[in-house]
PDB file of all heavy atoms in Angstrom:
ATOM      1  N   THR A   1       9.941   2.341  -9.971  1.00  0.00           N
ATOM      2  CA  THR A   1       9.253   2.202 -11.302  1.00  0.00           C
ATOM      3  C   THR A   1       8.957   0.704 -11.515  1.00  0.00           C
ATOM      4  O   THR A   1       7.918   0.418 -12.133  1.00  0.00           O
ATOM      5  CB  THR A   1      10.079   2.823 -12.290  1.00  0.00           C
ATOM      6  OG1 THR A   1      10.438   4.159 -11.967  1.00  0.00           O
ATOM      7  CG2 THR A   1       9.228   2.962 -13.602  1.00  0.00           C
ATOM      8  N   GLY A   2       9.774  -0.146 -11.089  1.00  0.00           N
ATOM      9  CA  GLY A   2       9.506  -1.591 -11.174  1.00  0.00           C
ATOM     10  C   GLY A   2       9.108  -2.150 -12.518  1.00  0.00           C
ATOM     11  O   GLY A   2       9.798  -1.884 -13.468  1.00  0.00           O
ATOM     12  N   LEU A   3       7.980  -2.839 -12.521  1.00  0.00           N
ATOM     13  CA  LEU A   3       7.362  -3.405 -13.659  1.00  0.00           C
ATOM     14  C   LEU A   3       6.004  -2.688 -13.893  1.00  0.00           C
ATOM     15  O   LEU A   3       5.014  -3.123 -13.428  1.00  0.00           O
ATOM     16  CB  LEU A   3       7.200  -4.912 -13.469  1.00  0.00           C
ATOM     17  CG  LEU A   3       8.409  -5.722 -13.161  1.00  0.00           C
ATOM     18  CD1 LEU A   3       8.062  -7.138 -12.745  1.00  0.00           C
ATOM     19  CD2 LEU A   3       9.282  -5.935 -14.333  1.00  0.00           C
ATOM     20  N   PRO A   4       5.973  -1.609 -14.650  1.00  0.00           N
ATOM     21  CA  PRO A   4       4.828  -0.750 -14.598  1.00  0.00           C
ATOM     22  C   PRO A   4       3.568  -1.358 -15.376  1.00  0.00           C
ATOM     23  O   PRO A   4       2.494  -1.051 -15.137  1.00  0.00           O
ATOM     24  CB  PRO A   4       5.268   0.445 -15.529  1.00  0.00           C
ATOM     25  CG  PRO A   4       6.740   0.488 -15.465  1.00  0.00           C
ATOM     26  CD  PRO A   4       7.108  -1.024 -15.335  1.00  0.00           C
ATOM     27  N   THR A   5       3.811  -2.399 -16.194  1.00  0.00           N
ATOM     28  CA  THR A   5       2.697  -3.120 -16.934  1.00  0.00           C
ATOM     29  C   THR A   5       2.367  -4.490 -16.337  1.00  0.00           C
ATOM     30  O   THR A   5       1.616  -5.158 -16.930  1.00  0.00           O
ATOM     31  CB  THR A   5       3.014  -3.125 -18.402  1.00  0.00           C
ATOM     32  OG1 THR A   5       4.102  -3.992 -18.604  1.00  0.00           O
ATOM     33  CG2 THR A   5       3.209  -1.767 -18.989  1.00  0.00           C
ATOM     34  N   LYS A   6       3.020  -4.886 -15.164  1.00  0.00           N
ATOM     35  CA  LYS A   6       2.804  -6.276 -14.757  1.00  0.00           C
ATOM     36  C   LYS A   6       2.062  -6.154 -13.504  1.00  0.00           C
ATOM     37  O   LYS A   6       1.932  -5.013 -12.822  1.00  0.00           O
ATOM     38  CB  LYS A   6       4.169  -6.911 -14.599  1.00  0.00           C
ATOM     39  CG  LYS A   6       5.048  -6.939 -15.816  1.00  0.00           C
ATOM     40  CD  LYS A   6       4.388  -7.582 -17.023  1.00  0.00           C
ATOM     41  CE  LYS A   6       5.334  -7.564 -18.238  1.00  0.00           C
ATOM     42  NZ  LYS A   6       4.555  -8.092 -19.492  1.00  0.00           N
ATOM     43  N   THR A   7       1.614  -7.323 -12.963  1.00  0.00           N
ATOM     44  CA  THR A   7       0.676  -7.286 -11.820  1.00  0.00           C
ATOM     45  C   THR A   7       1.326  -7.887 -10.552  1.00  0.00           C
ATOM     46  O   THR A   7       2.108  -8.751 -10.603  1.00  0.00           O
ATOM     47  CB  THR A   7      -0.573  -8.152 -12.152  1.00  0.00           C
ATOM     48  OG1 THR A   7      -1.495  -7.856 -11.137  1.00  0.00           O
ATOM     49  CG2 THR A   7      -0.264  -9.578 -12.216  1.00  0.00           C
ATOM     50  N   GLU A   8       0.967  -7.252  -9.421  1.00  0.00           N
ATOM     51  CA  GLU A   8       1.387  -7.632  -8.112  1.00  0.00           C
ATOM     52  C   GLU A   8       0.273  -7.333  -7.089  1.00  0.00           C
ATOM     53  O   GLU A   8      -0.560  -6.551  -7.346  1.00  0.00           O
ATOM     54  CB  GLU A   8       2.701  -7.139  -7.680  1.00  0.00           C
ATOM     55  CG  GLU A   8       3.978  -7.681  -8.424  1.00  0.00           C
ATOM     56  CD  GLU A   8       5.225  -7.066  -7.848  1.00  0.00           C
ATOM     57  OE1 GLU A   8       5.212  -6.317  -6.920  1.00  0.00           O
ATOM     58  OE2 GLU A   8       6.257  -7.351  -8.415  1.00  0.00           O
ATOM     59  N   GLN A   9       0.521  -7.847  -5.841  1.00  0.00           N
ATOM     60  CA  GLN A   9      -0.368  -7.445  -4.730  1.00  0.00           C
ATOM     61  C   GLN A   9       0.523  -6.955  -3.610  1.00  0.00           C
ATOM     62  O   GLN A   9       0.447  -7.347  -2.476  1.00  0.00           O
ATOM     63  CB  GLN A   9      -1.107  -8.746  -4.250  1.00  0.00           C
ATOM     64  CG  GLN A   9      -2.142  -9.191  -5.292  1.00  0.00           C
ATOM     65  CD  GLN A   9      -2.945 -10.334  -4.576  1.00  0.00           C
ATOM     66  OE1 GLN A   9      -2.419 -11.454  -4.294  1.00  0.00           O
ATOM     67  NE2 GLN A   9      -4.185 -10.196  -4.448  1.00  0.00           N
ATOM     68  N   THR A  10       1.400  -6.024  -3.915  1.00  0.00           N
ATOM     69  CA  THR A  10       2.491  -5.666  -2.928  1.00  0.00           C
ATOM     70  C   THR A  10       2.278  -4.305  -2.234  1.00  0.00           C
ATOM     71  O   THR A  10       3.181  -3.833  -1.581  1.00  0.00           O
ATOM     72  CB  THR A  10       3.822  -5.580  -3.755  1.00  0.00           C
ATOM     73  OG1 THR A  10       3.635  -4.931  -5.000  1.00  0.00           O
ATOM     74  CG2 THR A  10       4.299  -7.051  -4.072  1.00  0.00           C
ATOM     75  N   ASP A  11       1.065  -3.839  -2.373  1.00  0.00           N
ATOM     76  CA  ASP A  11       0.848  -2.508  -1.672  1.00  0.00           C
ATOM     77  C   ASP A  11      -0.082  -2.604  -0.455  1.00  0.00           C
ATOM     78  O   ASP A  11      -0.435  -1.611   0.135  1.00  0.00           O
ATOM     79  CB  ASP A  11       0.145  -1.476  -2.623  1.00  0.00           C
ATOM     80  CG  ASP A  11       1.116  -1.101  -3.802  1.00  0.00           C
ATOM     81  OD1 ASP A  11       2.321  -1.410  -3.775  1.00  0.00           O
ATOM     82  OD2 ASP A  11       0.571  -0.540  -4.856  1.00  0.00           O
ATOM     83  N   LEU A  12      -0.409  -3.771  -0.115  1.00  0.00           N
ATOM     84  CA  LEU A  12      -1.383  -4.010   1.066  1.00  0.00           C
ATOM     85  C   LEU A  12      -0.852  -3.355   2.348  1.00  0.00           C
ATOM     86  O   LEU A  12      -1.590  -2.702   2.972  1.00  0.00           O
ATOM     87  CB  LEU A  12      -1.707  -5.595   1.243  1.00  0.00           C
ATOM     88  CG  LEU A  12      -2.636  -5.821   2.374  1.00  0.00           C
ATOM     89  CD1 LEU A  12      -3.950  -5.107   2.291  1.00  0.00           C
ATOM     90  CD2 LEU A  12      -2.757  -7.300   2.541  1.00  0.00           C
ATOM     91  N   LEU A  13       0.353  -3.694   2.727  1.00  0.00           N
ATOM     92  CA  LEU A  13       0.814  -3.109   4.022  1.00  0.00           C
ATOM     93  C   LEU A  13       1.000  -1.620   3.893  1.00  0.00           C
ATOM     94  O   LEU A  13       0.802  -0.899   4.912  1.00  0.00           O
ATOM     95  CB  LEU A  13       2.151  -3.750   4.408  1.00  0.00           C
ATOM     96  CG  LEU A  13       2.073  -5.296   4.755  1.00  0.00           C
ATOM     97  CD1 LEU A  13       3.536  -5.811   5.193  1.00  0.00           C
ATOM     98  CD2 LEU A  13       1.142  -5.533   5.915  1.00  0.00           C
ATOM     99  N   GLN A  14       1.329  -1.093   2.734  1.00  0.00           N
ATOM    100  CA  GLN A  14       1.351   0.335   2.562  1.00  0.00           C
ATOM    101  C   GLN A  14       0.032   0.985   2.781  1.00  0.00           C
ATOM    102  O   GLN A  14      -0.094   1.987   3.357  1.00  0.00           O
ATOM    103  CB  GLN A  14       1.924   0.674   1.172  1.00  0.00           C
ATOM    104  CG  GLN A  14       2.033   2.264   0.972  1.00  0.00           C
ATOM    105  CD  GLN A  14       2.526   2.537  -0.457  1.00  0.00           C
ATOM    106  OE1 GLN A  14       2.816   3.755  -0.696  1.00  0.00           O
ATOM    107  NE2 GLN A  14       2.555   1.644  -1.400  1.00  0.00           N
ATOM    108  N   ALA A  15      -1.048   0.315   2.214  1.00  0.00           N
ATOM    109  CA  ALA A  15      -2.373   0.856   2.300  1.00  0.00           C
ATOM    110  C   ALA A  15      -2.900   0.764   3.770  1.00  0.00           C
ATOM    111  O   ALA A  15      -3.391   1.671   4.309  1.00  0.00           O
ATOM    112  CB  ALA A  15      -3.360  -0.068   1.463  1.00  0.00           C
ATOM    113  N   LEU A  16      -2.485  -0.346   4.553  1.00  0.00           N
ATOM    114  CA  LEU A  16      -2.854  -0.425   5.909  1.00  0.00           C
ATOM    115  C   LEU A  16      -2.090   0.451   6.939  1.00  0.00           C
ATOM    116  O   LEU A  16      -2.695   1.005   7.821  1.00  0.00           O
ATOM    117  CB  LEU A  16      -2.713  -1.962   6.338  1.00  0.00           C
ATOM    118  CG  LEU A  16      -3.672  -2.892   5.754  1.00  0.00           C
ATOM    119  CD1 LEU A  16      -3.188  -4.374   5.936  1.00  0.00           C
ATOM    120  CD2 LEU A  16      -5.102  -2.769   6.292  1.00  0.00           C
ATOM    121  N   TYR A  17      -0.793   0.585   6.665  1.00  0.00           N
ATOM    122  CA  TYR A  17       0.019   1.152   7.612  1.00  0.00           C
ATOM    123  C   TYR A  17       0.916   2.337   7.118  1.00  0.00           C
ATOM    124  O   TYR A  17       1.743   2.931   7.906  1.00  0.00           O
ATOM    125  CB  TYR A  17       1.036   0.108   8.262  1.00  0.00           C
ATOM    126  CG  TYR A  17       0.229  -1.078   8.894  1.00  0.00           C
ATOM    127  CD1 TYR A  17       0.480  -2.388   8.467  1.00  0.00           C
ATOM    128  CD2 TYR A  17      -0.676  -0.893   9.884  1.00  0.00           C
ATOM    129  CE1 TYR A  17      -0.204  -3.440   8.952  1.00  0.00           C
ATOM    130  CE2 TYR A  17      -1.349  -1.958  10.460  1.00  0.00           C
ATOM    131  CZ  TYR A  17      -1.162  -3.238   9.994  1.00  0.00           C
ATOM    132  OH  TYR A  17      -1.816  -4.243  10.458  1.00  0.00           O
ATOM    133  N   GLY A  18       0.870   2.629   5.849  1.00  0.00           N
ATOM    134  CA  GLY A  18       1.799   3.604   5.232  1.00  0.00           C
ATOM    135  C   GLY A  18       1.402   5.073   5.530  1.00  0.00           C
ATOM    136  O   GLY A  18       1.421   5.869   4.604  1.00  0.00           O
ATOM    137  N   HIS A  19       1.037   5.471   6.705  1.00  0.00           N
ATOM    138  CA  HIS A  19       0.697   6.792   7.083  1.00  0.00           C
ATOM    139  C   HIS A  19       1.298   7.121   8.474  1.00  0.00           C
ATOM    140  O   HIS A  19       1.400   6.241   9.293  1.00  0.00           O
ATOM    141  CB  HIS A  19      -0.824   7.054   7.034  1.00  0.00           C
ATOM    142  CG  HIS A  19      -1.553   6.070   6.237  1.00  0.00           C
ATOM    143  ND1 HIS A  19      -1.602   6.141   4.853  1.00  0.00           N
ATOM    144  CD2 HIS A  19      -2.371   4.939   6.539  1.00  0.00           C
ATOM    145  CE1 HIS A  19      -2.320   5.094   4.402  1.00  0.00           C
ATOM    146  NE2 HIS A  19      -2.708   4.363   5.437  1.00  0.00           N
ATOM    147  N   ASN A  20       1.701   8.331   8.712  1.00  0.00           N
ATOM    148  CA  ASN A  20       2.187   8.623  10.017  1.00  0.00           C
ATOM    149  C   ASN A  20       1.121   8.769  11.050  1.00  0.00           C
ATOM    150  O   ASN A  20       0.040   9.110  10.734  1.00  0.00           O
ATOM    151  CB  ASN A  20       3.131   9.942   9.927  1.00  0.00           C
ATOM    152  CG  ASN A  20       2.226  11.159   9.817  1.00  0.00           C
ATOM    153  OD1 ASN A  20       1.639  11.281   8.655  1.00  0.00           O
ATOM    154  ND2 ASN A  20       2.118  12.042  10.752  1.00  0.00           N
ATOM    155  N   GLY A  21       1.592   8.495  12.264  1.00  0.00           N
ATOM    156  CA  GLY A  21       0.508   8.582  13.390  1.00  0.00           C
ATOM    157  C   GLY A  21      -0.408   7.404  13.455  1.00  0.00           C
ATOM    158  O   GLY A  21      -0.372   6.520  12.570  1.00  0.00           O
ATOM    159  N   GLU A  22      -1.337   7.407  14.433  1.00  0.00           N
ATOM    160  CA  GLU A  22      -2.391   6.484  14.475  1.00  0.00           C
ATOM    161  C   GLU A  22      -3.507   6.911  13.423  1.00  0.00           C
ATOM    162  O   GLU A  22      -4.237   7.801  13.685  1.00  0.00           O
ATOM    163  CB  GLU A  22      -2.966   6.431  15.902  1.00  0.00           C
ATOM    164  CG  GLU A  22      -2.036   5.706  16.929  1.00  0.00           C
ATOM    165  CD  GLU A  22      -1.881   4.220  16.595  1.00  0.00           C
ATOM    166  OE1 GLU A  22      -2.747   3.671  15.942  1.00  0.00           O
ATOM    167  OE2 GLU A  22      -0.874   3.715  17.088  1.00  0.00           O
ATOM    168  N   SER A  23      -3.443   6.235  12.284  1.00  0.00           N
ATOM    169  CA  SER A  23      -4.283   6.726  11.141  1.00  0.00           C
ATOM    170  C   SER A  23      -5.071   5.607  10.553  1.00  0.00           C
ATOM    171  O   SER A  23      -4.750   5.175   9.385  1.00  0.00           O
ATOM    172  CB  SER A  23      -3.437   7.400  10.200  1.00  0.00           C
ATOM    173  OG  SER A  23      -2.242   6.597   9.919  1.00  0.00           O
ATOM    174  N   PRO A  24      -6.012   5.030  11.252  1.00  0.00           N
ATOM    175  CA  PRO A  24      -6.788   3.907  10.672  1.00  0.00           C
ATOM    176  C   PRO A  24      -7.716   4.462   9.548  1.00  0.00           C
ATOM    177  O   PRO A  24      -8.307   5.492   9.526  1.00  0.00           O
ATOM    178  CB  PRO A  24      -7.646   3.419  11.883  1.00  0.00           C
ATOM    179  CG  PRO A  24      -7.817   4.649  12.718  1.00  0.00           C
ATOM    180  CD  PRO A  24      -6.528   5.427  12.574  1.00  0.00           C
ATOM    181  N   LEU A  25      -7.839   3.476   8.535  1.00  0.00           N
ATOM    182  CA  LEU A  25      -8.817   3.769   7.515  1.00  0.00           C
ATOM    183  C   LEU A  25      -9.191   2.376   6.849  1.00  0.00           C
ATOM    184  O   LEU A  25      -8.460   1.527   6.882  1.00  0.00           O
ATOM    185  CB  LEU A  25      -8.247   4.711   6.473  1.00  0.00           C
ATOM    186  CG  LEU A  25      -7.310   4.161   5.384  1.00  0.00           C
ATOM    187  CD1 LEU A  25      -7.088   5.272   4.361  1.00  0.00           C
ATOM    188  CD2 LEU A  25      -6.029   3.793   5.906  1.00  0.00           C
ATOM    189  N   PRO A  26     -10.407   2.287   6.293  1.00  0.00           N
ATOM    190  CA  PRO A  26     -10.821   1.141   5.717  1.00  0.00           C
ATOM    191  C   PRO A  26     -10.032   0.746   4.379  1.00  0.00           C
ATOM    192  O   PRO A  26      -9.662   1.654   3.763  1.00  0.00           O
ATOM    193  CB  PRO A  26     -12.304   1.349   5.346  1.00  0.00           C
ATOM    194  CG  PRO A  26     -12.779   2.414   6.290  1.00  0.00           C
ATOM    195  CD  PRO A  26     -11.517   3.298   6.450  1.00  0.00           C
ATOM    196  N   VAL A  27      -9.793  -0.485   4.267  1.00  0.00           N
ATOM    197  CA  VAL A  27      -9.149  -0.951   2.973  1.00  0.00           C
ATOM    198  C   VAL A  27      -9.924  -2.079   2.445  1.00  0.00           C
ATOM    199  O   VAL A  27     -10.268  -3.110   3.013  1.00  0.00           O
ATOM    200  CB  VAL A  27      -7.647  -1.480   3.411  1.00  0.00           C
ATOM    201  CG1 VAL A  27      -7.014  -2.042   2.132  1.00  0.00           C
ATOM    202  CG2 VAL A  27      -6.863  -0.323   3.962  1.00  0.00           C
TER     203      VAL A  27
END
């Protein structure tokens, strides 16, 4: 839940690699 009303850029690696298998997608 972290800081729900504050800003970060901490989901980039999740967007790029946070899926099982070889699963490329544009980000």
